[in-house]
Protein backbone atom coordinates (compact mmCIF):
# COMPACT_ATOMS: atom_id res chain seq x y z
CA MET A 1 0.00 0.00 0.00
CA LYS A 2 1.21 3.47 -0.81
CA PHE A 3 0.52 5.88 2.03
CA VAL A 4 1.45 9.54 2.01
CA GLY A 5 0.15 11.41 5.05
CA GLY A 6 -3.61 11.68 5.06
CA LEU A 7 -3.89 11.33 1.29
CA LEU A 8 -4.94 7.69 1.49
CA ILE A 9 -7.85 8.56 3.77
CA VAL A 10 -8.97 11.33 1.45
CA ALA A 11 -8.55 9.11 -1.60
CA LEU A 12 -10.51 6.26 -0.03
CA SER A 13 -13.33 8.54 1.05
CA LEU A 14 -13.52 10.08 -2.43
CA GLN A 15 -13.28 6.65 -4.02
CA SER A 16 -16.17 5.33 -1.97
CA GLN A 17 -18.37 7.93 -3.63
CA THR A 18 -17.66 6.61 -7.14
CA SER A 19 -18.05 2.87 -6.40
CA ASP A 20 -15.71 1.78 -9.23
CA PRO A 21 -14.25 -1.53 -8.04
CA TYR A 22 -11.30 -1.38 -10.44
CA ALA A 23 -10.30 2.11 -9.32
CA THR A 24 -10.58 1.03 -5.68
CA ALA A 25 -8.56 -2.11 -6.39
CA ALA A 26 -5.85 -0.04 -8.07
CA LEU A 27 -5.81 2.35 -5.12
CA ILE A 28 -5.13 -0.41 -2.61
CA GLY A 29 -2.85 -2.40 -4.88
CA VAL A 30 -4.92 -5.46 -5.71
CA LEU A 31 -5.87 -4.66 -9.31
CA PRO A 32 -3.66 -7.42 -10.78
CA GLU A 33 -5.28 -9.99 -8.51
CA LEU A 34 -8.76 -8.69 -9.35
CA LYS A 35 -8.05 -8.93 -13.08
CA LYS A 36 -6.71 -12.48 -12.66
CA LEU A 37 -9.83 -13.35 -10.68
CA SER A 38 -12.07 -12.33 -13.58
CA VAL A 39 -10.37 -14.77 -16.00
CA GLU A 40 -9.28 -17.60 -13.68
CA THR A 41 -11.29 -20.78 -14.04
CA ASP A 42 -9.48 -23.04 -11.58
CA ARG A 43 -11.49 -23.12 -8.38
CA TRP A 44 -8.45 -23.27 -6.06
CA GLN A 45 -6.67 -20.45 -7.87
CA ARG A 46 -9.80 -18.32 -7.52
CA LEU A 47 -9.93 -19.13 -3.82
CA ALA A 48 -6.26 -18.16 -3.41
CA LEU A 49 -6.86 -14.88 -5.26
CA HIS A 50 -9.89 -14.14 -3.08
CA GLN A 51 -7.73 -14.77 -0.01
CA GLN A 52 -4.94 -12.46 -1.24
CA ILE A 53 -7.40 -9.68 -2.00
CA THR A 54 -9.15 -10.09 1.34
CA GLU A 55 -5.87 -9.99 3.27
CA GLN A 56 -4.69 -6.85 1.49
CA VAL A 57 -8.02 -5.08 1.99
CA MET A 58 -8.01 -6.01 5.67
CA ALA A 59 -4.42 -4.84 6.15
CA ASP A 60 -5.14 -1.53 4.46
CA SER A 61 -8.34 -1.10 6.44
CA LEU A 62 -6.48 -1.65 9.71
CA GLN A 63 -3.82 0.85 8.68
CA VAL A 64 -6.47 3.46 7.87
CA ASP A 65 -8.13 2.80 11.25
CA ALA A 66 -4.77 3.29 12.98
CA VAL A 67 -4.20 6.60 11.21
CA ILE A 68 -7.70 7.80 12.10
CA ALA A 69 -7.10 6.84 15.75
CA GLN A 70 -3.81 8.74 15.73
CA ILE A 71 -5.51 11.82 14.28
CA ASP A 72 -8.26 11.58 16.92
CA ASN A 73 -5.59 11.31 19.61
CA GLU A 74 -3.78 14.40 18.33
CA ILE A 75 -7.04 16.35 18.24
CA ALA A 76 -7.84 15.34 21.82
CA ARG A 77 -4.34 16.31 23.00
CA HIS A 78 -4.66 19.69 21.30
CA GLN A 79 -8.07 20.29 22.87
CA GLN A 80 -6.66 19.40 26.30
CA ARG A 81 -3.81 21.90 25.84
CA VAL A 82 -6.22 24.63 24.77
CA SER A 83 -8.51 23.86 27.70
CA ALA A 84 -5.62 23.88 30.17
CA ARG A 85 -4.29 27.14 28.74
CA ASP A 86 -7.73 28.77 28.95
CA HIS A 87 -8.20 27.49 32.50
CA LEU A 88 -4.84 28.90 33.65
CA GLN A 89 -5.34 32.21 31.94
CA GLU A 90 -6.58 34.89 34.32
CA PRO A 91 -9.53 37.05 33.32
CA GLY A 92 -8.43 40.13 31.44
CA GLN A 93 -5.14 38.67 30.22
CA GLU A 94 -4.41 38.10 26.56
CA ALA A 95 -3.98 34.59 25.23
CA PHE A 96 -0.51 33.15 24.71
């Protein structure tokens, strides 16, 4: 998976609006497997391709969840700092 900052999250959220499975597959790096799946006739090969795609989607999903949790944590820490600063600030004083 290619991940550059929050771009993956933005790309996935935009992609979910278009519902193009091939574009989504390309985004998460499973397009070759998806194309093989559409032409593969051997039952066990299809099962193996399904498994590879599922594992990659799950791994990417977990990574996105981790990034979202990290962003939420940073937001909470910032809000705590602002709250503490406002609490310590005496009335009539300017902010830091």
